[in-house]
Amino acid sequence: MGSYLKSNPLEKGDEAWLVVDNDSRHKRDFDELLSWERCDKRHHIAFSWPCFELWLLLHFERARVSAKDSIRKRLRMYMPDYEKSPDMRKICPQHIRQAIHRAKLEDKDYNDPLPWGHRITTVYRLVEKLSLPEGN
């Protein structure tokens, strides 16, 4: 992350985002990421706990499960062939808006870049920055 930005510095108006999930790590394993995020107001982290698939599941339903395997099993109800690479044809702008809304309902502490231990994803923060076309 740091070496890429050293050779490709941010320009005016740019932001750098890292999208990460828990992936069975301990919170202390993310100390370097937190330092990176805090060193520049243009650095941001989009975090999913316990896994990135939670963000994808929110496109289809308000997830009531929190175990990785349960989330992946529910996701496969909507994306049967899912294997770490979603079929984006199954996700439309309406699904994205629903996922953003559902993720916001769970994001109780917006200022915490790593909301650890809660079934939550903050990927919606990045997606909102990208903006969706109206009316789709």
Foldseek 3Di string as FASTA:
>chain_A
DVVVCVVVPDDPPAAAEAEEEQQVPDPVVCPVVVVVCVVDVRYAYKYFPHDPLLLVLQLPDLDPDHDPVVSVVSSCVQVVPDDPDGPCVSGDPSSLVSSLVSQVVQCPDVPDRYPPPGRHTRVSVVVVVVPDDPDD
